[in-house]
PDB file of N, CA and C in Angstrom:
ATOM      1  N   MET A   1      10.487 -19.627  -7.089  1.00  0.00           N
ATOM      2  CA  MET A   1       9.198 -19.104  -6.673  1.00  0.00           C
ATOM      3  C   MET A   1       9.393 -18.070  -5.568  1.00  0.00           C
ATOM      4  N   VAL A   2       8.699 -16.962  -5.689  1.00  0.00           N
ATOM      5  CA  VAL A   2       8.786 -15.899  -4.695  1.00  0.00           C
ATOM      6  C   VAL A   2       7.742 -16.176  -3.623  1.00  0.00           C
ATOM      7  N   THR A   3       8.195 -16.277  -2.386  1.00  0.00           N
ATOM      8  CA  THR A   3       7.274 -16.536  -1.282  1.00  0.00           C
ATOM      9  C   THR A   3       6.878 -15.232  -0.614  1.00  0.00           C
ATOM     10  N   MET A   4       5.784 -15.307   0.145  1.00  0.00           N
ATOM     11  CA  MET A   4       5.328 -14.129   0.857  1.00  0.00           C
ATOM     12  C   MET A   4       6.395 -13.681   1.860  1.00  0.00           C
ATOM     13  N   GLU A   5       7.106 -14.623   2.469  1.00  0.00           N
ATOM     14  CA  GLU A   5       8.156 -14.275   3.424  1.00  0.00           C
ATOM     15  C   GLU A   5       9.288 -13.498   2.754  1.00  0.00           C
ATOM     16  N   LYS A   6       9.690 -13.936   1.554  1.00  0.00           N
ATOM     17  CA  LYS A   6      10.752 -13.222   0.828  1.00  0.00           C
ATOM     18  C   LYS A   6      10.304 -11.814   0.462  1.00  0.00           C
ATOM     19  N   GLU A   7       9.047 -11.693   0.021  1.00  0.00           N
ATOM     20  CA  GLU A   7       8.537 -10.372  -0.343  1.00  0.00           C
ATOM     21  C   GLU A   7       8.410  -9.480   0.882  1.00  0.00           C
ATOM     22  N   ALA A   8       8.045 -10.056   2.012  1.00  0.00           N
ATOM     23  CA  ALA A   8       7.953  -9.276   3.248  1.00  0.00           C
ATOM     24  C   ALA A   8       9.327  -8.730   3.625  1.00  0.00           C
ATOM     25  N   LYS A   9      10.364  -9.541   3.460  1.00  0.00           N
ATOM     26  CA  LYS A   9      11.727  -9.085   3.751  1.00  0.00           C
ATOM     27  C   LYS A   9      12.146  -7.972   2.795  1.00  0.00           C
ATOM     28  N   LYS A  10      11.778  -8.109   1.513  1.00  0.00           N
ATOM     29  CA  LYS A  10      12.100  -7.067   0.536  1.00  0.00           C
ATOM     30  C   LYS A  10      11.358  -5.773   0.878  1.00  0.00           C
ATOM     31  N   ALA A  11      10.095  -5.911   1.280  1.00  0.00           N
ATOM     32  CA  ALA A  11       9.300  -4.737   1.638  1.00  0.00           C
ATOM     33  C   ALA A  11       9.905  -4.040   2.850  1.00  0.00           C
ATOM     34  N   LEU A  12      10.311  -4.807   3.845  1.00  0.00           N
ATOM     35  CA  LEU A  12      10.936  -4.228   5.030  1.00  0.00           C
ATOM     36  C   LEU A  12      12.222  -3.498   4.665  1.00  0.00           C
ATOM     37  N   ARG A  13      12.992  -4.069   3.753  1.00  0.00           N
ATOM     38  CA  ARG A  13      14.230  -3.420   3.312  1.00  0.00           C
ATOM     39  C   ARG A  13      13.928  -2.066   2.658  1.00  0.00           C
ATOM     40  N   ILE A  14      12.885  -2.016   1.830  1.00  0.00           N
ATOM     41  CA  ILE A  14      12.496  -0.751   1.184  1.00  0.00           C
ATOM     42  C   ILE A  14      12.082   0.272   2.238  1.00  0.00           C
ATOM     43  N   LEU A  15      11.302  -0.154   3.216  1.00  0.00           N
ATOM     44  CA  LEU A  15      10.865   0.771   4.266  1.00  0.00           C
ATOM     45  C   LEU A  15      12.055   1.319   5.044  1.00  0.00           C
ATOM     46  N   LYS A  16      13.034   0.463   5.314  1.00  0.00           N
ATOM     47  CA  LYS A  16      14.235   0.916   6.030  1.00  0.00           C
ATOM     48  C   LYS A  16      15.066   1.862   5.166  1.00  0.00           C
ATOM     49  N   GLU A  17      15.257   1.502   3.894  1.00  0.00           N
ATOM     50  CA  GLU A  17      16.078   2.324   2.982  1.00  0.00           C
ATOM     51  C   GLU A  17      15.526   3.730   2.813  1.00  0.00           C
ATOM     52  N   THR A  18      14.215   3.859   2.822  1.00  0.00           N
ATOM     53  CA  THR A  18      13.589   5.159   2.585  1.00  0.00           C
ATOM     54  C   THR A  18      13.368   5.956   3.867  1.00  0.00           C
ATOM     55  N   GLY A  19      13.720   5.359   4.992  1.00  0.00           N
ATOM     56  CA  GLY A  19      13.525   6.045   6.267  1.00  0.00           C
ATOM     57  C   GLY A  19      12.087   6.062   6.733  1.00  0.00           C
ATOM     58  N   ALA A  20      11.281   5.142   6.224  1.00  0.00           N
ATOM     59  CA  ALA A  20       9.864   5.112   6.567  1.00  0.00           C
ATOM     60  C   ALA A  20       9.607   4.555   7.960  1.00  0.00           C
ATOM     61  N   ILE A  21      10.535   3.771   8.483  1.00  0.00           N
ATOM     62  CA  ILE A  21      10.357   3.214   9.822  1.00  0.00           C
ATOM     63  C   ILE A  21      10.956   4.184  10.827  1.00  0.00           C
ATOM     64  N   VAL A  22      10.100   4.664  11.725  1.00  0.00           N
ATOM     65  CA  VAL A  22      10.499   5.665  12.693  1.00  0.00           C
ATOM     66  C   VAL A  22      10.286   5.095  14.101  1.00  0.00           C
ATOM     67  N   PHE A  23      11.282   5.263  14.959  1.00  0.00           N
ATOM     68  CA  PHE A  23      11.180   4.776  16.329  1.00  0.00           C
ATOM     69  C   PHE A  23      11.001   5.947  17.280  1.00  0.00           C
ATOM     70  N   GLY A  24      10.205   5.752  18.298  1.00  0.00           N
ATOM     71  CA  GLY A  24       9.921   6.783  19.289  1.00  0.00           C
ATOM     72  C   GLY A  24       8.700   6.368  20.074  1.00  0.00           C
ATOM     73  N   HIS A  25       7.942   7.331  20.550  1.00  0.00           N
ATOM     74  CA  HIS A  25       6.685   7.045  21.235  1.00  0.00           C
ATOM     75  C   HIS A  25       5.570   7.696  20.441  1.00  0.00           C
ATOM     76  N   PHE A  26       4.618   6.872  20.004  1.00  0.00           N
ATOM     77  CA  PHE A  26       3.537   7.363  19.145  1.00  0.00           C
ATOM     78  C   PHE A  26       2.195   6.970  19.733  1.00  0.00           C
ATOM     79  N   VAL A  27       1.249   7.889  19.676  1.00  0.00           N
ATOM     80  CA  VAL A  27      -0.127   7.582  20.029  1.00  0.00           C
ATOM     81  C   VAL A  27      -0.859   7.438  18.706  1.00  0.00           C
ATOM     82  N   LEU A  28      -1.352   6.249  18.457  1.00  0.00           N
ATOM     83  CA  LEU A  28      -1.988   5.938  17.181  1.00  0.00           C
ATOM     84  C   LEU A  28      -3.426   6.435  17.152  1.00  0.00           C
ATOM     85  N   ALA A  29      -4.022   6.455  15.982  1.00  0.00           N
ATOM     86  CA  ALA A  29      -5.410   6.902  15.826  1.00  0.00           C
ATOM     87  C   ALA A  29      -6.363   6.082  16.696  1.00  0.00           C
ATOM     88  N   SER A  30      -5.990   4.850  16.973  1.00  0.00           N
ATOM     89  CA  SER A  30      -6.808   3.966  17.808  1.00  0.00           C
ATOM     90  C   SER A  30      -6.655   4.282  19.295  1.00  0.00           C
ATOM     91  N   SER A  31      -5.796   5.242  19.629  1.00  0.00           N
ATOM     92  CA  SER A  31      -5.413   5.616  20.990  1.00  0.00           C
ATOM     93  C   SER A  31      -4.427   4.632  21.617  1.00  0.00           C
ATOM     94  N   ASN A  32      -4.064   3.592  20.904  1.00  0.00           N
ATOM     95  CA  ASN A  32      -3.012   2.694  21.377  1.00  0.00           C
ATOM     96  C   ASN A  32      -1.671   3.398  21.245  1.00  0.00           C
ATOM     97  N   HIS A  33      -0.695   2.917  21.986  1.00  0.00           N
ATOM     98  CA  HIS A  33       0.651   3.479  21.939  1.00  0.00           C
ATOM     99  C   HIS A  33       1.572   2.502  21.214  1.00  0.00           C
ATOM    100  N   SER A  34       2.575   3.044  20.539  1.00  0.00           N
ATOM    101  CA  SER A  34       3.525   2.214  19.805  1.00  0.00           C
ATOM    102  C   SER A  34       4.914   2.824  19.898  1.00  0.00           C
ATOM    103  N   LEU A  35       5.918   1.975  19.838  1.00  0.00           N
ATOM    104  CA  LEU A  35       7.306   2.445  19.830  1.00  0.00           C
ATOM    105  C   LEU A  35       7.830   2.593  18.404  1.00  0.00           C
ATOM    106  N   MET A  36       7.032   2.168  17.416  1.00  0.00           N
ATOM    107  CA  MET A  36       7.433   2.243  16.018  1.00  0.00           C
ATOM    108  C   MET A  36       6.260   2.737  15.179  1.00  0.00           C
ATOM    109  N   TYR A  37       6.589   3.477  14.142  1.00  0.00           N
ATOM    110  CA  TYR A  37       5.581   4.003  13.227  1.00  0.00           C
ATOM    111  C   TYR A  37       6.119   3.865  11.815  1.00  0.00           C
ATOM    112  N   VAL A  38       5.257   3.503  10.881  1.00  0.00           N
ATOM    113  CA  VAL A  38       5.662   3.436   9.478  1.00  0.00           C
ATOM    114  C   VAL A  38       5.113   4.678   8.789  1.00  0.00           C
ATOM    115  N   ASN A  39       6.011   5.546   8.371  1.00  0.00           N
ATOM    116  CA  ASN A  39       5.654   6.787   7.688  1.00  0.00           C
ATOM    117  C   ASN A  39       5.657   6.528   6.183  1.00  0.00           C
ATOM    118  N   LYS A  40       4.509   6.120   5.663  1.00  0.00           N
ATOM    119  CA  LYS A  40       4.438   5.768   4.234  1.00  0.00           C
ATOM    120  C   LYS A  40       4.753   6.943   3.324  1.00  0.00           C
ATOM    121  N   ASP A  41       4.576   8.171   3.823  1.00  0.00           N
ATOM    122  CA  ASP A  41       4.906   9.346   3.011  1.00  0.00           C
ATOM    123  C   ASP A  41       6.381   9.367   2.620  1.00  0.00           C
ATOM    124  N   ALA A  42       7.239   8.773   3.445  1.00  0.00           N
ATOM    125  CA  ALA A  42       8.665   8.725   3.128  1.00  0.00           C
ATOM    126  C   ALA A  42       8.933   7.858   1.903  1.00  0.00           C
ATOM    127  N   VAL A  43       8.092   6.864   1.692  1.00  0.00           N
ATOM    128  CA  VAL A  43       8.263   5.976   0.533  1.00  0.00           C
ATOM    129  C   VAL A  43       7.667   6.616  -0.723  1.00  0.00           C
ATOM    130  N   TYR A  44       6.619   7.422  -0.562  1.00  0.00           N
ATOM    131  CA  TYR A  44       5.934   8.027  -1.703  1.00  0.00           C
ATOM    132  C   TYR A  44       6.859   8.875  -2.573  1.00  0.00           C
ATOM    133  N   MET A  45       7.942   9.350  -2.020  1.00  0.00           N
ATOM    134  CA  MET A  45       8.889  10.168  -2.795  1.00  0.00           C
ATOM    135  C   MET A  45       9.701   9.325  -3.772  1.00  0.00           C
ATOM    136  N   HIS A  46       9.584   8.005  -3.684  1.00  0.00           N
ATOM    137  CA  HIS A  46      10.354   7.071  -4.506  1.00  0.00           C
ATOM    138  C   HIS A  46       9.382   6.209  -5.319  1.00  0.00           C
ATOM    139  N   PRO A  47       8.939   6.692  -6.483  1.00  0.00           N
ATOM    140  CA  PRO A  47       7.921   5.976  -7.262  1.00  0.00           C
ATOM    141  C   PRO A  47       8.272   4.517  -7.558  1.00  0.00           C
ATOM    142  N   GLU A  48       9.524   4.235  -7.864  1.00  0.00           N
ATOM    143  CA  GLU A  48       9.886   2.855  -8.176  1.00  0.00           C
ATOM    144  C   GLU A  48       9.734   1.955  -6.942  1.00  0.00           C
ATOM    145  N   LYS A  49      10.084   2.475  -5.782  1.00  0.00           N
ATOM    146  CA  LYS A  49       9.993   1.684  -4.557  1.00  0.00           C
ATOM    147  C   LYS A  49       8.547   1.484  -4.123  1.00  0.00           C
ATOM    148  N   ILE A  50       7.709   2.510  -4.244  1.00  0.00           N
ATOM    149  CA  ILE A  50       6.300   2.347  -3.868  1.00  0.00           C
ATOM    150  C   ILE A  50       5.607   1.404  -4.843  1.00  0.00           C
ATOM    151  N   SER A  51       6.011   1.450  -6.111  1.00  0.00           N
ATOM    152  CA  SER A  51       5.468   0.510  -7.086  1.00  0.00           C
ATOM    153  C   SER A  51       5.813  -0.930  -6.696  1.00  0.00           C
ATOM    154  N   LEU A  52       7.051  -1.153  -6.285  1.00  0.00           N
ATOM    155  CA  LEU A  52       7.456  -2.500  -5.843  1.00  0.00           C
ATOM    156  C   LEU A  52       6.657  -2.960  -4.633  1.00  0.00           C
ATOM    157  N   LEU A  53       6.502  -2.094  -3.647  1.00  0.00           N
ATOM    158  CA  LEU A  53       5.725  -2.460  -2.462  1.00  0.00           C
ATOM    159  C   LEU A  53       4.300  -2.847  -2.842  1.00  0.00           C
ATOM    160  N   CYS A  54       3.701  -2.074  -3.726  1.00  0.00           N
ATOM    161  CA  CYS A  54       2.328  -2.353  -4.139  1.00  0.00           C
ATOM    162  C   CYS A  54       2.236  -3.608  -5.006  1.00  0.00           C
ATOM    163  N   ARG A  55       3.286  -3.903  -5.739  1.00  0.00           N
ATOM    164  CA  ARG A  55       3.316  -5.162  -6.497  1.00  0.00           C
ATOM    165  C   ARG A  55       3.314  -6.335  -5.527  1.00  0.00           C
ATOM    166  N   TYR A  56       4.060  -6.226  -4.441  1.00  0.00           N
ATOM    167  CA  TYR A  56       4.064  -7.285  -3.426  1.00  0.00           C
ATOM    168  C   TYR A  56       2.669  -7.460  -2.823  1.00  0.00           C
ATOM    169  N   ILE A  57       1.990  -6.352  -2.562  1.00  0.00           N
ATOM    170  CA  ILE A  57       0.624  -6.417  -2.035  1.00  0.00           C
ATOM    171  C   ILE A  57      -0.304  -7.076  -3.055  1.00  0.00           C
ATOM    172  N   ALA A  58      -0.227  -6.619  -4.296  1.00  0.00           N
ATOM    173  CA  ALA A  58      -1.111  -7.142  -5.348  1.00  0.00           C
ATOM    174  C   ALA A  58      -0.948  -8.643  -5.529  1.00  0.00           C
ATOM    175  N   ARG A  59       0.273  -9.137  -5.450  1.00  0.00           N
ATOM    176  CA  ARG A  59       0.513 -10.578  -5.634  1.00  0.00           C
ATOM    177  C   ARG A  59      -0.261 -11.429  -4.636  1.00  0.00           C
ATOM    178  N   GLN A  60      -0.532 -10.888  -3.468  1.00  0.00           N
ATOM    179  CA  GLN A  60      -1.256 -11.646  -2.451  1.00  0.00           C
ATOM    180  C   GLN A  60      -2.733 -11.836  -2.827  1.00  0.00           C
ATOM    181  N   PHE A  61      -3.216 -11.076  -3.804  1.00  0.00           N
ATOM    182  CA  PHE A  61      -4.632 -11.088  -4.145  1.00  0.00           C
ATOM    183  C   PHE A  61      -4.913 -11.497  -5.590  1.00  0.00           C
ATOM    184  N   ILE A  62      -3.926 -12.027  -6.287  1.00  0.00           N
ATOM    185  CA  ILE A  62      -4.071 -12.385  -7.703  1.00  0.00           C
ATOM    186  C   ILE A  62      -5.239 -13.341  -7.934  1.00  0.00           C
ATOM    187  N   GLU A  63      -5.405 -14.305  -7.069  1.00  0.00           N
ATOM    188  CA  GLU A  63      -6.447 -15.336  -7.245  1.00  0.00           C
ATOM    189  C   GLU A  63      -7.831 -14.886  -6.779  1.00  0.00           C
ATOM    190  N   ASP A  64      -7.946 -13.709  -6.204  1.00  0.00           N
ATOM    191  CA  ASP A  64      -9.203 -13.278  -5.590  1.00  0.00           C
ATOM    192  C   ASP A  64     -10.152 -12.534  -6.515  1.00  0.00           C
ATOM    193  N   ARG A  65      -9.806 -12.379  -7.772  1.00  0.00           N
ATOM    194  CA  ARG A  65     -10.656 -11.719  -8.766  1.00  0.00           C
ATOM    195  C   ARG A  65     -11.113 -10.323  -8.310  1.00  0.00           C
ATOM    196  N   ILE A  66     -10.174  -9.563  -7.815  1.00  0.00           N
ATOM    197  CA  ILE A  66     -10.446  -8.200  -7.350  1.00  0.00           C
ATOM    198  C   ILE A  66     -10.883  -7.339  -8.531  1.00  0.00           C
ATOM    199  N   GLU A  67     -11.960  -6.574  -8.342  1.00  0.00           N
ATOM    200  CA  GLU A  67     -12.459  -5.669  -9.376  1.00  0.00           C
ATOM    201  C   GLU A  67     -12.200  -4.204  -9.032  1.00  0.00           C
ATOM    202  N   VAL A  68     -12.153  -3.891  -7.735  1.00  0.00           N
ATOM    203  CA  VAL A  68     -11.986  -2.517  -7.285  1.00  0.00           C
ATOM    204  C   VAL A  68     -11.068  -2.508  -6.066  1.00  0.00           C
ATOM    205  N   VAL A  69     -10.109  -1.595  -6.062  1.00  0.00           N
ATOM    206  CA  VAL A  69      -9.249  -1.382  -4.899  1.00  0.00           C
ATOM    207  C   VAL A  69      -9.669  -0.045  -4.299  1.00  0.00           C
ATOM    208  N   VAL A  70     -10.002  -0.049  -3.000  1.00  0.00           N
ATOM    209  CA  VAL A  70     -10.482   1.154  -2.320  1.00  0.00           C
ATOM    210  C   VAL A  70      -9.528   1.486  -1.181  1.00  0.00           C
ATOM    211  N   ALA A  71      -9.247   2.764  -1.016  1.00  0.00           N
ATOM    212  CA  ALA A  71      -8.403   3.225   0.090  1.00  0.00           C
ATOM    213  C   ALA A  71      -8.928   4.567   0.579  1.00  0.00           C
ATOM    214  N   PRO A  72      -8.527   4.967   1.773  1.00  0.00           N
ATOM    215  CA  PRO A  72      -8.913   6.296   2.242  1.00  0.00           C
ATOM    216  C   PRO A  72      -8.213   7.364   1.404  1.00  0.00           C
ATOM    217  N   ALA A  73      -8.899   8.457   1.173  1.00  0.00           N
ATOM    218  CA  ALA A  73      -8.317   9.528   0.360  1.00  0.00           C
ATOM    219  C   ALA A  73      -7.049  10.070   1.002  1.00  0.00           C
ATOM    220  N   LEU A  74      -7.073  10.252   2.300  1.00  0.00           N
ATOM    221  CA  LEU A  74      -5.915  10.799   2.993  1.00  0.00           C
ATOM    222  C   LEU A  74      -4.874   9.706   3.193  1.00  0.00           C
ATOM    223  N   GLY A  75      -3.820   9.748   2.395  1.00  0.00           N
ATOM    224  CA  GLY A  75      -2.717   8.819   2.526  1.00  0.00           C
ATOM    225  C   GLY A  75      -2.835   7.513   1.773  1.00  0.00           C
ATOM    226  N   GLY A  76      -3.954   7.276   1.113  1.00  0.00           N
ATOM    227  CA  GLY A  76      -4.142   5.985   0.474  1.00  0.00           C
ATOM    228  C   GLY A  76      -4.226   5.990  -1.036  1.00  0.00           C
ATOM    229  N   ILE A  77      -4.349   7.155  -1.647  1.00  0.00           N
ATOM    230  CA  ILE A  77      -4.559   7.211  -3.095  1.00  0.00           C
ATOM    231  C   ILE A  77      -3.392   6.602  -3.865  1.00  0.00           C
ATOM    232  N   VAL A  78      -2.174   6.907  -3.467  1.00  0.00           N
ATOM    233  CA  VAL A  78      -1.005   6.362  -4.177  1.00  0.00           C
ATOM    234  C   VAL A  78      -1.012   4.840  -4.106  1.00  0.00           C
ATOM    235  N   LEU A  79      -1.271   4.297  -2.922  1.00  0.00           N
ATOM    236  CA  LEU A  79      -1.312   2.840  -2.757  1.00  0.00           C
ATOM    237  C   LEU A  79      -2.410   2.221  -3.617  1.00  0.00           C
ATOM    238  N   THR A  80      -3.571   2.854  -3.622  1.00  0.00           N
ATOM    239  CA  THR A  80      -4.701   2.350  -4.403  1.00  0.00           C
ATOM    240  C   THR A  80      -4.354   2.246  -5.881  1.00  0.00           C
ATOM    241  N   GLN A  81      -3.787   3.302  -6.417  1.00  0.00           N
ATOM    242  CA  GLN A  81      -3.459   3.309  -7.840  1.00  0.00           C
ATOM    243  C   GLN A  81      -2.456   2.226  -8.196  1.00  0.00           C
ATOM    244  N   TRP A  82      -1.380   2.111  -7.418  1.00  0.00           N
ATOM    245  CA  TRP A  82      -0.349   1.138  -7.751  1.00  0.00           C
ATOM    246  C   TRP A  82      -0.818  -0.303  -7.549  1.00  0.00           C
ATOM    247  N   VAL A  83      -1.578  -0.575  -6.491  1.00  0.00           N
ATOM    248  CA  VAL A  83      -2.079  -1.945  -6.293  1.00  0.00           C
ATOM    249  C   VAL A  83      -3.023  -2.314  -7.434  1.00  0.00           C
ATOM    250  N   ALA A  84      -3.934  -1.416  -7.795  1.00  0.00           N
ATOM    251  CA  ALA A  84      -4.849  -1.691  -8.910  1.00  0.00           C
ATOM    252  C   ALA A  84      -4.075  -1.895 -10.207  1.00  0.00           C
ATOM    253  N   TYR A  85      -3.066  -1.073 -10.435  1.00  0.00           N
ATOM    254  CA  TYR A  85      -2.243  -1.203 -11.638  1.00  0.00           C
ATOM    255  C   TYR A  85      -1.608  -2.595 -11.722  1.00  0.00           C
ATOM    256  N   HIS A  86      -0.982  -3.028 -10.643  1.00  0.00           N
ATOM    257  CA  HIS A  86      -0.300  -4.324 -10.663  1.00  0.00           C
ATOM    258  C   HIS A  86      -1.290  -5.488 -10.744  1.00  0.00           C
ATOM    259  N   LEU A  87      -2.442  -5.364 -10.112  1.00  0.00           N
ATOM    260  CA  LEU A  87      -3.460  -6.416 -10.239  1.00  0.00           C
ATOM    261  C   LEU A  87      -3.930  -6.528 -11.686  1.00  0.00           C
ATOM    262  N   GLN A  88      -4.188  -5.392 -12.296  1.00  0.00           N
ATOM    263  CA  GLN A  88      -4.655  -5.391 -13.687  1.00  0.00           C
ATOM    264  C   GLN A  88      -3.586  -5.959 -14.613  1.00  0.00           C
ATOM    265  N   LYS A  89      -2.355  -5.553 -14.390  1.00  0.00           N
ATOM    266  CA  LYS A  89      -1.255  -6.021 -15.231  1.00  0.00           C
ATOM    267  C   LYS A  89      -1.077  -7.539 -15.127  1.00  0.00           C
ATOM    268  N   ARG A  90      -1.183  -8.071 -13.914  1.00  0.00           N
ATOM    269  CA  ARG A  90      -0.978  -9.508 -13.701  1.00  0.00           C
ATOM    270  C   ARG A  90      -2.165 -10.357 -14.141  1.00  0.00           C
ATOM    271  N   THR A  91      -3.390  -9.822 -14.014  1.00  0.00           N
ATOM    272  CA  THR A  91      -4.575 -10.632 -14.305  1.00  0.00           C
ATOM    273  C   THR A  91      -5.138 -10.395 -15.701  1.00  0.00           C
ATOM    274  N   GLY A  92      -4.822  -9.243 -16.291  1.00  0.00           N
ATOM    275  CA  GLY A  92      -5.394  -8.912 -17.593  1.00  0.00           C
ATOM    276  C   GLY A  92      -6.836  -8.438 -17.501  1.00  0.00           C
ATOM    277  N   ARG A  93      -7.357  -8.311 -16.284  1.00  0.00           N
ATOM    278  CA  ARG A  93      -8.727  -7.828 -16.084  1.00  0.00           C
ATOM    279  C   ARG A  93      -8.695  -6.362 -15.653  1.00  0.00           C
ATOM    280  N   THR A  94      -9.762  -5.651 -15.923  1.00  0.00           N
ATOM    281  CA  THR A  94      -9.874  -4.274 -15.467  1.00  0.00           C
ATOM    282  C   THR A  94     -10.005  -4.249 -13.954  1.00  0.00           C
ATOM    283  N   VAL A  95      -9.179  -3.441 -13.310  1.00  0.00           N
ATOM    284  CA  VAL A  95      -9.241  -3.250 -11.861  1.00  0.00           C
ATOM    285  C   VAL A  95      -9.270  -1.747 -11.620  1.00  0.00           C
ATOM    286  N   LEU A  96     -10.341  -1.287 -11.007  1.00  0.00           N
ATOM    287  CA  LEU A  96     -10.501   0.141 -10.755  1.00  0.00           C
ATOM    288  C   LEU A  96      -9.806   0.550  -9.474  1.00  0.00           C
ATOM    289  N   ALA A  97      -9.364   1.794  -9.416  1.00  0.00           N
ATOM    290  CA  ALA A  97      -8.771   2.383  -8.218  1.00  0.00           C
ATOM    291  C   ALA A  97      -9.683   3.514  -7.774  1.00  0.00           C
ATOM    292  N   VAL A  98     -10.224   3.419  -6.555  1.00  0.00           N
ATOM    293  CA  VAL A  98     -11.101   4.459  -6.027  1.00  0.00           C
ATOM    294  C   VAL A  98     -10.652   4.820  -4.619  1.00  0.00           C
ATOM    295  N   TYR A  99     -11.115   5.957  -4.160  1.00  0.00           N
ATOM    296  CA  TYR A  99     -10.830   6.358  -2.793  1.00  0.00           C
ATOM    297  C   TYR A  99     -12.119   6.785  -2.118  1.00  0.00           C
ATOM    298  N   ALA A 100     -12.128   6.737  -0.820  1.00  0.00           N
ATOM    299  CA  ALA A 100     -13.308   7.104  -0.045  1.00  0.00           C
ATOM    300  C   ALA A 100     -12.958   8.225   0.926  1.00  0.00           C
ATOM    301  N   GLU A 101     -13.844   9.169   1.018  1.00  0.00           N
ATOM    302  CA  GLU A 101     -13.706  10.238   2.006  1.00  0.00           C
ATOM    303  C   GLU A 101     -14.361   9.769   3.304  1.00  0.00           C
ATOM    304  N   LYS A 102     -14.108  10.470   4.379  1.00  0.00           N
ATOM    305  CA  LYS A 102     -14.689  10.079   5.659  1.00  0.00           C
ATOM    306  C   LYS A 102     -16.206  10.122   5.667  1.00  0.00           C
ATOM    307  N   ASP A 103     -16.795  10.939   4.823  1.00  0.00           N
ATOM    308  CA  ASP A 103     -18.253  11.024   4.810  1.00  0.00           C
ATOM    309  C   ASP A 103     -18.887   9.848   4.071  1.00  0.00           C
ATOM    310  N   GLY A 104     -18.063   8.919   3.605  1.00  0.00           N
ATOM    311  CA  GLY A 104     -18.573   7.727   2.929  1.00  0.00           C
ATOM    312  C   GLY A 104     -18.709   7.873   1.430  1.00  0.00           C
ATOM    313  N   HIS A 105     -18.448   9.056   0.905  1.00  0.00           N
ATOM    314  CA  HIS A 105     -18.552   9.281  -0.538  1.00  0.00           C
ATOM    315  C   HIS A 105     -17.294   8.784  -1.240  1.00  0.00           C
ATOM    316  N   ALA A 106     -17.458   7.958  -2.249  1.00  0.00           N
ATOM    317  CA  ALA A 106     -16.302   7.429  -2.982  1.00  0.00           C
ATOM    318  C   ALA A 106     -16.224   8.073  -4.358  1.00  0.00           C
ATOM    319  N   ASP A 107     -15.023   8.403  -4.780  1.00  0.00           N
ATOM    320  CA  ASP A 107     -14.786   8.990  -6.098  1.00  0.00           C
ATOM    321  C   ASP A 107     -13.766   8.118  -6.809  1.00  0.00           C
ATOM    322  N   SER A 108     -13.950   7.920  -8.119  1.00  0.00           N
ATOM    323  CA  SER A 108     -12.952   7.153  -8.858  1.00  0.00           C
ATOM    324  C   SER A 108     -11.812   8.094  -9.247  1.00  0.00           C
ATOM    325  N   LEU A 109     -10.645   7.507  -9.402  1.00  0.00           N
ATOM    326  CA  LEU A 109      -9.461   8.301  -9.738  1.00  0.00           C
ATOM    327  C   LEU A 109      -9.363   8.535 -11.209  1.00  0.00           C
TER     328      LEU A 109
END
């Protein structure tokens, strides 16, 4: 049985392998400061790896009967598509992938 802890370790390994984990001084959108940043764009160049990460995310929600996966348009569309894909594949139910703009308008992919 695959546990959430094992998948978290696999996900961390993917982030490290792709150079997505960056150390330095960062001011986050929340105005908080951090010594580490996860640059998801570094993973996006590796379709197989981003698919795996999203499969790990989707597994956490298999029992929740998710119908729609929503993400911000800026930086979230790839994640939305892959999470919805893996949810649909695992559950056999239709799962839509949509994104939202800052103005609150949502468009389906």
